[in-house]
Amino acid sequence: MNHFLVPIHEIVSEEEAAEIIKKFGNKKEKFPQIILSDPVIEELEAKKGDLIRITRETPTAGKSVYYRVVVR
């Protein structure tokens, strides 16, 4: 998790997840997925159904935020 190539991963709280899902007008199941056995997800101790915020820094776009739902 401390490697420069691994972007920041965070578990989103249930309240914030509801706002994000409402903002994008989707169901949680429609978000891109990340598997439960992913090393970063294991390190975070996330569980199935959690919404994960991934923040990447890029030289061209600056800061990019992505969301993924944890699946088995």
PDB file of N, CA and C in Angstrom:
ATOM      1  N   MET A   1       0.819  -1.198   0.000  1.00  0.00           N
ATOM      2  CA  MET A   1       0.000   0.000   0.000  1.00  0.00           C
ATOM      3  C   MET A   1       0.862   1.261   0.000  1.00  0.00           C
ATOM      4  N   ASN A   2       2.099   1.127   0.405  1.00  0.00           N
ATOM      5  CA  ASN A   2       2.965   2.295   0.468  1.00  0.00           C
ATOM      6  C   ASN A   2       3.842   2.450  -0.760  1.00  0.00           C
ATOM      7  N   HIS A   3       3.591   1.662  -1.793  1.00  0.00           N
ATOM      8  CA  HIS A   3       4.363   1.762  -3.023  1.00  0.00           C
ATOM      9  C   HIS A   3       3.828   2.912  -3.867  1.00  0.00           C
ATOM     10  N   PHE A   4       4.711   3.620  -4.554  1.00  0.00           N
ATOM     11  CA  PHE A   4       4.291   4.797  -5.324  1.00  0.00           C
ATOM     12  C   PHE A   4       3.348   4.460  -6.480  1.00  0.00           C
ATOM     13  N   LEU A   5       3.314   3.212  -6.922  1.00  0.00           N
ATOM     14  CA  LEU A   5       2.410   2.830  -8.014  1.00  0.00           C
ATOM     15  C   LEU A   5       1.015   2.430  -7.537  1.00  0.00           C
ATOM     16  N   VAL A   6       0.838   2.271  -6.229  1.00  0.00           N
ATOM     17  CA  VAL A   6      -0.471   1.889  -5.684  1.00  0.00           C
ATOM     18  C   VAL A   6      -1.226   3.164  -5.312  1.00  0.00           C
ATOM     19  N   PRO A   7      -2.363   3.423  -5.994  1.00  0.00           N
ATOM     20  CA  PRO A   7      -3.127   4.630  -5.648  1.00  0.00           C
ATOM     21  C   PRO A   7      -3.779   4.500  -4.279  1.00  0.00           C
ATOM     22  N   ILE A   8      -4.266   5.605  -3.758  1.00  0.00           N
ATOM     23  CA  ILE A   8      -4.917   5.630  -2.447  1.00  0.00           C
ATOM     24  C   ILE A   8      -6.277   4.942  -2.546  1.00  0.00           C
ATOM     25  N   HIS A   9      -6.519   3.973  -1.685  1.00  0.00           N
ATOM     26  CA  HIS A   9      -7.793   3.256  -1.602  1.00  0.00           C
ATOM     27  C   HIS A   9      -8.414   3.563  -0.245  1.00  0.00           C
ATOM     28  N   GLU A  10      -9.705   3.872  -0.224  1.00  0.00           N
ATOM     29  CA  GLU A  10     -10.410   4.147   1.034  1.00  0.00           C
ATOM     30  C   GLU A  10     -11.792   3.505   0.981  1.00  0.00           C
ATOM     31  N   ILE A  11     -12.241   3.015   2.124  1.00  0.00           N
ATOM     32  CA  ILE A  11     -13.613   2.526   2.223  1.00  0.00           C
ATOM     33  C   ILE A  11     -14.510   3.737   2.468  1.00  0.00           C
ATOM     34  N   VAL A  12     -15.551   3.872   1.667  1.00  0.00           N
ATOM     35  CA  VAL A  12     -16.479   4.996   1.786  1.00  0.00           C
ATOM     36  C   VAL A  12     -17.540   4.644   2.823  1.00  0.00           C
ATOM     37  N   SER A  13     -17.869   5.596   3.698  1.00  0.00           N
ATOM     38  CA  SER A  13     -18.896   5.349   4.715  1.00  0.00           C
ATOM     39  C   SER A  13     -20.248   5.117   4.039  1.00  0.00           C
ATOM     40  N   GLU A  14     -21.149   4.459   4.743  1.00  0.00           N
ATOM     41  CA  GLU A  14     -22.479   4.163   4.189  1.00  0.00           C
ATOM     42  C   GLU A  14     -23.224   5.433   3.800  1.00  0.00           C
ATOM     43  N   GLU A  15     -23.110   6.480   4.626  1.00  0.00           N
ATOM     44  CA  GLU A  15     -23.807   7.744   4.345  1.00  0.00           C
ATOM     45  C   GLU A  15     -23.261   8.387   3.074  1.00  0.00           C
ATOM     46  N   GLU A  16     -21.938   8.440   2.969  1.00  0.00           N
ATOM     47  CA  GLU A  16     -21.317   9.037   1.797  1.00  0.00           C
ATOM     48  C   GLU A  16     -21.576   8.185   0.557  1.00  0.00           C
ATOM     49  N   ALA A  17     -21.571   6.860   0.726  1.00  0.00           N
ATOM     50  CA  ALA A  17     -21.846   5.956  -0.398  1.00  0.00           C
ATOM     51  C   ALA A  17     -23.244   6.210  -0.949  1.00  0.00           C
ATOM     52  N   ALA A  18     -24.218   6.423  -0.070  1.00  0.00           N
ATOM     53  CA  ALA A  18     -25.586   6.699  -0.519  1.00  0.00           C
ATOM     54  C   ALA A  18     -25.625   7.986  -1.338  1.00  0.00           C
ATOM     55  N   GLU A  19     -24.882   9.002  -0.916  1.00  0.00           N
ATOM     56  CA  GLU A  19     -24.828  10.269  -1.661  1.00  0.00           C
ATOM     57  C   GLU A  19     -24.172  10.086  -3.024  1.00  0.00           C
ATOM     58  N   ILE A  20     -23.091   9.319  -3.067  1.00  0.00           N
ATOM     59  CA  ILE A  20     -22.381   9.084  -4.324  1.00  0.00           C
ATOM     60  C   ILE A  20     -23.259   8.313  -5.295  1.00  0.00           C
ATOM     61  N   ILE A  21     -23.928   7.283  -4.799  1.00  0.00           N
ATOM     62  CA  ILE A  21     -24.809   6.481  -5.648  1.00  0.00           C
ATOM     63  C   ILE A  21     -25.944   7.349  -6.180  1.00  0.00           C
ATOM     64  N   LYS A  22     -26.510   8.189  -5.325  1.00  0.00           N
ATOM     65  CA  LYS A  22     -27.581   9.095  -5.753  1.00  0.00           C
ATOM     66  C   LYS A  22     -27.064  10.092  -6.792  1.00  0.00           C
ATOM     67  N   LYS A  23     -25.863  10.614  -6.579  1.00  0.00           N
ATOM     68  CA  LYS A  23     -25.273  11.594  -7.494  1.00  0.00           C
ATOM     69  C   LYS A  23     -25.109  11.022  -8.896  1.00  0.00           C
ATOM     70  N   PHE A  24     -24.650   9.784  -8.973  1.00  0.00           N
ATOM     71  CA  PHE A  24     -24.424   9.171 -10.269  1.00  0.00           C
ATOM     72  C   PHE A  24     -25.660   8.475 -10.823  1.00  0.00           C
ATOM     73  N   GLY A  25     -26.747   8.439 -10.045  1.00  0.00           N
ATOM     74  CA  GLY A  25     -28.017   7.894 -10.515  1.00  0.00           C
ATOM     75  C   GLY A  25     -27.982   6.420 -10.830  1.00  0.00           C
ATOM     76  N   ASN A  26     -27.200   5.686 -10.108  1.00  0.00           N
ATOM     77  CA  ASN A  26     -27.069   4.255 -10.353  1.00  0.00           C
ATOM     78  C   ASN A  26     -27.398   3.451  -9.113  1.00  0.00           C
ATOM     79  N   LYS A  27     -27.423   2.161  -9.305  1.00  0.00           N
ATOM     80  CA  LYS A  27     -27.467   1.253  -8.173  1.00  0.00           C
ATOM     81  C   LYS A  27     -26.028   0.864  -7.870  1.00  0.00           C
ATOM     82  N   LYS A  28     -25.768   0.465  -6.649  1.00  0.00           N
ATOM     83  CA  LYS A  28     -24.411   0.077  -6.265  1.00  0.00           C
ATOM     84  C   LYS A  28     -23.890  -1.045  -7.167  1.00  0.00           C
ATOM     85  N   GLU A  29     -24.775  -1.935  -7.577  1.00  0.00           N
ATOM     86  CA  GLU A  29     -24.382  -3.075  -8.402  1.00  0.00           C
ATOM     87  C   GLU A  29     -23.916  -2.662  -9.798  1.00  0.00           C
ATOM     88  N   LYS A  30     -24.240  -1.445 -10.207  1.00  0.00           N
ATOM     89  CA  LYS A  30     -23.859  -0.957 -11.536  1.00  0.00           C
ATOM     90  C   LYS A  30     -22.458  -0.340 -11.573  1.00  0.00           C
ATOM     91  N   PHE A  31     -21.854  -0.115 -10.401  1.00  0.00           N
ATOM     92  CA  PHE A  31     -20.519   0.452 -10.349  1.00  0.00           C
ATOM     93  C   PHE A  31     -19.495  -0.600 -10.782  1.00  0.00           C
ATOM     94  N   PRO A  32     -18.326  -0.176 -11.272  1.00  0.00           N
ATOM     95  CA  PRO A  32     -17.262  -1.143 -11.568  1.00  0.00           C
ATOM     96  C   PRO A  32     -16.915  -1.923 -10.302  1.00  0.00           C
ATOM     97  N   GLN A  33     -16.331  -3.099 -10.497  1.00  0.00           N
ATOM     98  CA  GLN A  33     -16.097  -3.988  -9.369  1.00  0.00           C
ATOM     99  C   GLN A  33     -14.612  -4.154  -9.067  1.00  0.00           C
ATOM    100  N   ILE A  34     -14.336  -4.504  -7.820  1.00  0.00           N
ATOM    101  CA  ILE A  34     -12.994  -4.895  -7.398  1.00  0.00           C
ATOM    102  C   ILE A  34     -13.158  -6.146  -6.542  1.00  0.00           C
ATOM    103  N   ILE A  35     -12.309  -7.110  -6.772  1.00  0.00           N
ATOM    104  CA  ILE A  35     -12.478  -8.418  -6.140  1.00  0.00           C
ATOM    105  C   ILE A  35     -11.978  -8.409  -4.681  1.00  0.00           C
ATOM    106  N   LEU A  36     -12.647  -9.168  -3.862  1.00  0.00           N
ATOM    107  CA  LEU A  36     -12.360  -9.249  -2.426  1.00  0.00           C
ATOM    108  C   LEU A  36     -10.937  -9.727  -2.149  1.00  0.00           C
ATOM    109  N   SER A  37     -10.369 -10.526  -3.047  1.00  0.00           N
ATOM    110  CA  SER A  37      -9.021 -11.063  -2.834  1.00  0.00           C
ATOM    111  C   SER A  37      -7.918 -10.122  -3.331  1.00  0.00           C
ATOM    112  N   ASP A  38      -8.277  -8.941  -3.822  1.00  0.00           N
ATOM    113  CA  ASP A  38      -7.273  -7.958  -4.223  1.00  0.00           C
ATOM    114  C   ASP A  38      -6.426  -7.619  -2.993  1.00  0.00           C
ATOM    115  N   PRO A  39      -5.105  -7.576  -3.130  1.00  0.00           N
ATOM    116  CA  PRO A  39      -4.248  -7.335  -1.958  1.00  0.00           C
ATOM    117  C   PRO A  39      -4.575  -6.049  -1.192  1.00  0.00           C
ATOM    118  N   VAL A  40      -4.904  -4.978  -1.877  1.00  0.00           N
ATOM    119  CA  VAL A  40      -5.233  -3.730  -1.184  1.00  0.00           C
ATOM    120  C   VAL A  40      -6.558  -3.871  -0.433  1.00  0.00           C
ATOM    121  N   ILE A  41      -7.520  -4.551  -1.018  1.00  0.00           N
ATOM    122  CA  ILE A  41      -8.823  -4.764  -0.369  1.00  0.00           C
ATOM    123  C   ILE A  41      -8.648  -5.632   0.868  1.00  0.00           C
ATOM    124  N   GLU A  42      -7.801  -6.641   0.775  1.00  0.00           N
ATOM    125  CA  GLU A  42      -7.510  -7.471   1.948  1.00  0.00           C
ATOM    126  C   GLU A  42      -6.856  -6.633   3.051  1.00  0.00           C
ATOM    127  N   GLU A  43      -5.930  -5.772   2.670  1.00  0.00           N
ATOM    128  CA  GLU A  43      -5.244  -4.915   3.645  1.00  0.00           C
ATOM    129  C   GLU A  43      -6.224  -3.961   4.340  1.00  0.00           C
ATOM    130  N   LEU A  44      -7.190  -3.446   3.571  1.00  0.00           N
ATOM    131  CA  LEU A  44      -8.197  -2.539   4.144  1.00  0.00           C
ATOM    132  C   LEU A  44      -9.228  -3.270   5.000  1.00  0.00           C
ATOM    133  N   GLU A  45      -9.259  -4.598   4.867  1.00  0.00           N
ATOM    134  CA  GLU A  45     -10.263  -5.430   5.533  1.00  0.00           C
ATOM    135  C   GLU A  45     -11.675  -5.031   5.112  1.00  0.00           C
ATOM    136  N   ALA A  46     -11.809  -4.715   3.825  1.00  0.00           N
ATOM    137  CA  ALA A  46     -13.121  -4.383   3.272  1.00  0.00           C
ATOM    138  C   ALA A  46     -13.950  -5.656   3.157  1.00  0.00           C
ATOM    139  N   LYS A  47     -15.247  -5.482   3.089  1.00  0.00           N
ATOM    140  CA  LYS A  47     -16.132  -6.641   2.948  1.00  0.00           C
ATOM    141  C   LYS A  47     -16.980  -6.492   1.687  1.00  0.00           C
ATOM    142  N   LYS A  48     -17.566  -7.590   1.277  1.00  0.00           N
ATOM    143  CA  LYS A  48     -18.395  -7.595   0.083  1.00  0.00           C
ATOM    144  C   LYS A  48     -19.476  -6.517   0.195  1.00  0.00           C
ATOM    145  N   GLY A  49     -19.623  -5.724  -0.874  1.00  0.00           N
ATOM    146  CA  GLY A  49     -20.635  -4.678  -0.898  1.00  0.00           C
ATOM    147  C   GLY A  49     -20.108  -3.298  -0.524  1.00  0.00           C
ATOM    148  N   ASP A  50     -18.893  -3.216   0.051  1.00  0.00           N
ATOM    149  CA  ASP A  50     -18.317  -1.908   0.394  1.00  0.00           C
ATOM    150  C   ASP A  50     -18.021  -1.116  -0.884  1.00  0.00           C
ATOM    151  N   LEU A  51     -18.172   0.186  -0.798  1.00  0.00           N
ATOM    152  CA  LEU A  51     -17.805   1.076  -1.894  1.00  0.00           C
ATOM    153  C   LEU A  51     -16.402   1.607  -1.581  1.00  0.00           C
ATOM    154  N   ILE A  52     -15.500   1.495  -2.552  1.00  0.00           N
ATOM    155  CA  ILE A  52     -14.112   1.894  -2.390  1.00  0.00           C
ATOM    156  C   ILE A  52     -13.831   3.118  -3.254  1.00  0.00           C
ATOM    157  N   ARG A  53     -13.193   4.126  -2.662  1.00  0.00           N
ATOM    158  CA  ARG A  53     -12.753   5.308  -3.406  1.00  0.00           C
ATOM    159  C   ARG A  53     -11.280   5.123  -3.727  1.00  0.00           C
ATOM    160  N   ILE A  54     -10.934   5.242  -5.012  1.00  0.00           N
ATOM    161  CA  ILE A  54      -9.550   5.131  -5.449  1.00  0.00           C
ATOM    162  C   ILE A  54      -9.147   6.491  -6.007  1.00  0.00           C
ATOM    163  N   THR A  55      -8.113   7.085  -5.435  1.00  0.00           N
ATOM    164  CA  THR A  55      -7.650   8.405  -5.855  1.00  0.00           C
ATOM    165  C   THR A  55      -6.281   8.255  -6.495  1.00  0.00           C
ATOM    166  N   ARG A  56      -6.193   8.679  -7.750  1.00  0.00           N
ATOM    167  CA  ARG A  56      -4.931   8.585  -8.495  1.00  0.00           C
ATOM    168  C   ARG A  56      -4.431   9.980  -8.847  1.00  0.00           C
ATOM    169  N   GLU A  57      -3.141  10.147  -8.782  1.00  0.00           N
ATOM    170  CA  GLU A  57      -2.489  11.380  -9.223  1.00  0.00           C
ATOM    171  C   GLU A  57      -1.844  11.092 -10.573  1.00  0.00           C
ATOM    172  N   THR A  58      -2.151  11.929 -11.579  1.00  0.00           N
ATOM    173  CA  THR A  58      -1.558  11.765 -12.894  1.00  0.00           C
ATOM    174  C   THR A  58      -0.988  13.090 -13.373  1.00  0.00           C
ATOM    175  N   PRO A  59       0.053  13.033 -14.177  1.00  0.00           N
ATOM    176  CA  PRO A  59       0.646  14.285 -14.650  1.00  0.00           C
ATOM    177  C   PRO A  59      -0.267  15.061 -15.595  1.00  0.00           C
ATOM    178  N   THR A  60      -1.142  14.384 -16.309  1.00  0.00           N
ATOM    179  CA  THR A  60      -1.999  15.068 -17.274  1.00  0.00           C
ATOM    180  C   THR A  60      -3.339  15.493 -16.701  1.00  0.00           C
ATOM    181  N   ALA A  61      -3.975  14.623 -15.935  1.00  0.00           N
ATOM    182  CA  ALA A  61      -5.315  14.912 -15.422  1.00  0.00           C
ATOM    183  C   ALA A  61      -5.297  15.478 -14.006  1.00  0.00           C
ATOM    184  N   GLY A  62      -4.156  15.420 -13.351  1.00  0.00           N
ATOM    185  CA  GLY A  62      -4.113  15.849 -11.956  1.00  0.00           C
ATOM    186  C   GLY A  62      -4.649  14.751 -11.063  1.00  0.00           C
ATOM    187  N   LYS A  63      -5.645  15.059 -10.267  1.00  0.00           N
ATOM    188  CA  LYS A  63      -6.236  14.092  -9.335  1.00  0.00           C
ATOM    189  C   LYS A  63      -7.497  13.493  -9.956  1.00  0.00           C
ATOM    190  N   SER A  64      -7.556  12.159 -10.019  1.00  0.00           N
ATOM    191  CA  SER A  64      -8.721  11.449 -10.542  1.00  0.00           C
ATOM    192  C   SER A  64      -9.291  10.554  -9.454  1.00  0.00           C
ATOM    193  N   VAL A  65     -10.606  10.542  -9.319  1.00  0.00           N
ATOM    194  CA  VAL A  65     -11.267   9.716  -8.309  1.00  0.00           C
ATOM    195  C   VAL A  65     -12.143   8.684  -9.021  1.00  0.00           C
ATOM    196  N   TYR A  66     -11.999   7.429  -8.604  1.00  0.00           N
ATOM    197  CA  TYR A  66     -12.773   6.327  -9.149  1.00  0.00           C
ATOM    198  C   TYR A  66     -13.451   5.607  -8.000  1.00  0.00           C
ATOM    199  N   TYR A  67     -14.541   4.948  -8.292  1.00  0.00           N
ATOM    200  CA  TYR A  67     -15.254   4.165  -7.270  1.00  0.00           C
ATOM    201  C   TYR A  67     -15.412   2.735  -7.759  1.00  0.00           C
ATOM    202  N   ARG A  68     -15.283   1.799  -6.840  1.00  0.00           N
ATOM    203  CA  ARG A  68     -15.452   0.375  -7.132  1.00  0.00           C
ATOM    204  C   ARG A  68     -16.251  -0.262  -5.997  1.00  0.00           C
ATOM    205  N   VAL A  69     -17.010  -1.290  -6.328  1.00  0.00           N
ATOM    206  CA  VAL A  69     -17.756  -2.064  -5.329  1.00  0.00           C
ATOM    207  C   VAL A  69     -17.036  -3.389  -5.130  1.00  0.00           C
ATOM    208  N   VAL A  70     -16.869  -3.779  -3.885  1.00  0.00           N
ATOM    209  CA  VAL A  70     -16.176  -5.035  -3.569  1.00  0.00           C
ATOM    210  C   VAL A  70     -17.124  -6.204  -3.828  1.00  0.00           C
ATOM    211  N   VAL A  71     -16.607  -7.197  -4.585  1.00  0.00           N
ATOM    212  CA  VAL A  71     -17.353  -8.418  -4.896  1.00  0.00           C
ATOM    213  C   VAL A  71     -16.487  -9.627  -4.572  1.00  0.00           C
ATOM    214  N   ARG A  72     -17.116 -10.796  -4.507  1.00  0.00           N
ATOM    215  CA  ARG A  72     -16.361 -12.047  -4.243  1.00  0.00           C
ATOM    216  C   ARG A  72     -15.571 -12.489  -5.428  1.00  0.00           C
TER     217      ARG A  72
END
